[in-house]
C-alpha atoms as a PDB file:
ATOM      1  CA  UNK A   1     -35.984 -18.243   6.101  1.00  0.00           C
ATOM      2  CA  UNK A   2     -32.681 -17.920   4.582  1.00  0.00           C
ATOM      3  CA  UNK A   3     -29.608 -17.335   6.240  1.00  0.00           C
ATOM      4  CA  UNK A   4     -26.608 -15.451   4.988  1.00  0.00           C
ATOM      5  CA  UNK A   5     -23.765 -13.263   6.345  1.00  0.00           C
ATOM      6  CA  UNK A   6     -20.510 -12.885   5.443  1.00  0.00           C
ATOM      7  CA  UNK A   7     -16.844 -15.300   6.424  1.00  0.00           C
ATOM      8  CA  UNK A   8     -13.272 -14.003   6.795  1.00  0.00           C
ATOM      9  CA  UNK A   9     -10.456 -16.206   5.619  1.00  0.00           C
ATOM     10  CA  UNK A  10      -7.148 -14.720   6.397  1.00  0.00           C
ATOM     11  CA  UNK A  11      -4.046 -15.739   3.782  1.00  0.00           C
ATOM     12  CA  UNK A  12      -0.156 -14.854   5.274  1.00  0.00           C
ATOM     13  CA  UNK A  13       1.736 -14.500   1.726  1.00  0.00           C
ATOM     14  CA  UNK A  14       5.270 -14.027   3.025  1.00  0.00           C
ATOM     15  CA  UNK A  15       7.271 -13.273   5.824  1.00  0.00           C
ATOM     16  CA  UNK A  16      10.151 -10.410   4.900  1.00  0.00           C
ATOM     17  CA  UNK A  17      12.433  -8.339   6.610  1.00  0.00           C
ATOM     18  CA  UNK A  18      11.620  -3.759   6.392  1.00  0.00           C
ATOM     19  CA  UNK A  19      12.057  -1.149   8.237  1.00  0.00           C
ATOM     20  CA  UNK A  20       8.939  -0.455  10.328  1.00  0.00           C
ATOM     21  CA  UNK A  21       7.215   2.596   9.330  1.00  0.00           C
ATOM     22  CA  UNK A  22       5.825   3.233  13.285  1.00  0.00           C
ATOM     23  CA  UNK A  23       9.144   1.754  15.709  1.00  0.00           C
ATOM     24  CA  UNK A  24      11.628   2.409  12.861  1.00  0.00           C
ATOM     25  CA  UNK A  25      13.234  -0.785  13.788  1.00  0.00           C
ATOM     26  CA  UNK A  26      14.540  -3.098  10.737  1.00  0.00           C
ATOM     27  CA  UNK A  27      12.420  -6.331  11.239  1.00  0.00           C
ATOM     28  CA  UNK A  28      10.217  -9.183  10.575  1.00  0.00           C
ATOM     29  CA  UNK A  29       7.005  -8.310   8.165  1.00  0.00           C
ATOM     30  CA  UNK A  30       4.462 -10.220   7.466  1.00  0.00           C
ATOM     31  CA  UNK A  31       2.514 -10.034   4.256  1.00  0.00           C
ATOM     32  CA  UNK A  32      -1.115 -10.600   4.833  1.00  0.00           C
ATOM     33  CA  UNK A  33      -3.994 -10.968   2.857  1.00  0.00           C
ATOM     34  CA  UNK A  34      -7.666 -10.785   3.847  1.00  0.00           C
ATOM     35  CA  UNK A  35     -10.641 -12.394   1.756  1.00  0.00           C
ATOM     36  CA  UNK A  36     -14.245 -11.377   3.021  1.00  0.00           C
ATOM     37  CA  UNK A  37     -16.775 -14.025   1.463  1.00  0.00           C
ATOM     38  CA  UNK A  38     -20.292 -13.533   1.227  1.00  0.00           C
ATOM     39  CA  UNK A  39     -21.680 -16.930   2.514  1.00  0.00           C
ATOM     40  CA  UNK A  40     -25.226 -18.281   1.917  1.00  0.00           C
ATOM     41  CA  UNK A  41     -26.780 -21.077   4.224  1.00  0.00           C
ATOM     42  CA  UNK A  42     -22.974 -21.095   5.827  1.00  0.00           C
ATOM     43  CA  UNK A  43     -21.383 -22.127   2.087  1.00  0.00           C
ATOM     44  CA  UNK A  44     -18.907 -19.437   0.800  1.00  0.00           C
ATOM     45  CA  UNK A  45     -19.895 -18.145  -2.567  1.00  0.00           C
ATOM     46  CA  UNK A  46     -17.901 -15.126  -3.691  1.00  0.00           C
ATOM     47  CA  UNK A  47     -15.601 -12.905  -2.626  1.00  0.00           C
ATOM     48  CA  UNK A  48     -16.984  -8.956  -1.876  1.00  0.00           C
ATOM     49  CA  UNK A  49     -13.447  -7.661  -0.196  1.00  0.00           C
ATOM     50  CA  UNK A  50      -9.239  -8.483  -0.346  1.00  0.00           C
ATOM     51  CA  UNK A  51      -7.520  -6.507   1.357  1.00  0.00           C
ATOM     52  CA  UNK A  52      -3.979  -6.670   1.534  1.00  0.00           C
ATOM     53  CA  UNK A  53      -1.661  -5.413   4.968  1.00  0.00           C
ATOM     54  CA  UNK A  54       2.032  -6.153   6.371  1.00  0.00           C
ATOM     55  CA  UNK A  55       2.493  -6.144  10.281  1.00  0.00           C
ATOM     56  CA  UNK A  56       5.550  -5.478  12.122  1.00  0.00           C
ATOM     57  CA  UNK A  57       6.922  -8.624  14.394  1.00  0.00           C
ATOM     58  CA  UNK A  58       7.712  -5.990  16.477  1.00  0.00           C
ATOM     59  CA  UNK A  59       6.091  -3.150  17.251  1.00  0.00           C
ATOM     60  CA  UNK A  60       2.812  -4.949  15.968  1.00  0.00           C
ATOM     61  CA  UNK A  61       1.884  -1.711  13.197  1.00  0.00           C
ATOM     62  CA  UNK A  62      -0.244  -2.386  10.627  1.00  0.00           C
ATOM     63  CA  UNK A  63      -0.155  -0.986   7.083  1.00  0.00           C
ATOM     64  CA  UNK A  64      -2.458  -1.154   4.214  1.00  0.00           C
ATOM     65  CA  UNK A  65      -0.655  -1.994   0.932  1.00  0.00           C
ATOM     66  CA  UNK A  66      -2.520  -2.086  -2.220  1.00  0.00           C
ATOM     67  CA  UNK A  67      -2.712  -5.361  -4.505  1.00  0.00           C
ATOM     68  CA  UNK A  68       0.514  -3.899  -6.870  1.00  0.00           C
ATOM     69  CA  UNK A  69       2.240  -3.439  -3.480  1.00  0.00           C
ATOM     70  CA  UNK A  70       1.869  -6.869  -2.318  1.00  0.00           C
ATOM     71  CA  UNK A  71       2.549  -8.569  -5.429  1.00  0.00           C
ATOM     72  CA  UNK A  72       6.033  -7.227  -5.527  1.00  0.00           C
ATOM     73  CA  UNK A  73       6.543  -7.720  -2.358  1.00  0.00           C
ATOM     74  CA  UNK A  74       5.828 -11.241  -2.783  1.00  0.00           C
ATOM     75  CA  UNK A  75       7.906 -11.061  -5.208  1.00  0.00           C
ATOM     76  CA  UNK A  76      10.635 -10.198  -2.920  1.00  0.00           C
ATOM     77  CA  UNK A  77       9.942 -12.624  -0.303  1.00  0.00           C
ATOM     78  CA  UNK A  78      11.189 -15.442  -2.724  1.00  0.00           C
ATOM     79  CA  UNK A  79      14.598 -16.303  -0.232  1.00  0.00           C
ATOM     80  CA  UNK A  80      16.637 -19.115  -2.815  1.00  0.00           C
ATOM     81  CA  UNK A  81      13.022 -20.477  -3.253  1.00  0.00           C
ATOM     82  CA  UNK A  82      12.647 -21.770  -0.167  1.00  0.00           C
ATOM     83  CA  UNK A  83       9.132 -20.388  -0.337  1.00  0.00           C
ATOM     84  CA  UNK A  84       7.235 -19.326  -2.809  1.00  0.00           C
ATOM     85  CA  UNK A  85       4.980 -17.285  -1.360  1.00  0.00           C
ATOM     86  CA  UNK A  86       1.258 -18.390  -3.014  1.00  0.00           C
ATOM     87  CA  UNK A  87       0.259 -20.062  -0.755  1.00  0.00           C
ATOM     88  CA  UNK A  88       0.027 -19.546   3.295  1.00  0.00           C
ATOM     89  CA  UNK A  89       3.229 -21.476   5.398  1.00  0.00           C
ATOM     90  CA  UNK A  90       1.976 -24.871   6.750  1.00  0.00           C
ATOM     91  CA  UNK A  91      -1.394 -24.297   5.161  1.00  0.00           C
ATOM     92  CA  UNK A  92      -2.900 -25.248   1.330  1.00  0.00           C
ATOM     93  CA  UNK A  93      -5.145 -22.297  -0.460  1.00  0.00           C
ATOM     94  CA  UNK A  94      -8.411 -24.515   0.534  1.00  0.00           C
ATOM     95  CA  UNK A  95      -7.734 -23.977   4.943  1.00  0.00           C
ATOM     96  CA  UNK A  96      -6.781 -20.145   5.167  1.00  0.00           C
ATOM     97  CA  UNK A  97      -7.143 -19.175   8.477  1.00  0.00           C
ATOM     98  CA  UNK A  98     -10.453 -17.774   9.692  1.00  0.00           C
ATOM     99  CA  UNK A  99     -11.044 -15.114  11.356  1.00  0.00           C
END
């Protein structure tokens, strides 16, 4: 018997202050990257889906963005070098949030 499936990983890339398209408030937005990987015997082998989105911390609305837009937003998020946006806050890239 072969056991296969998928596993999702959620990376928080940056926190930005943007005007929300849903509620219209200038609020903090999290820039997130969702990666879904194919697994074989519970071992993640390769990613087959990568999606980017921003989420408003005021109303919770989520908006999908392209990879190019995510890269531009990530470049804007560098507040004097405090966090470079390449890895999630408080976690290494090898240990992302799992959903």
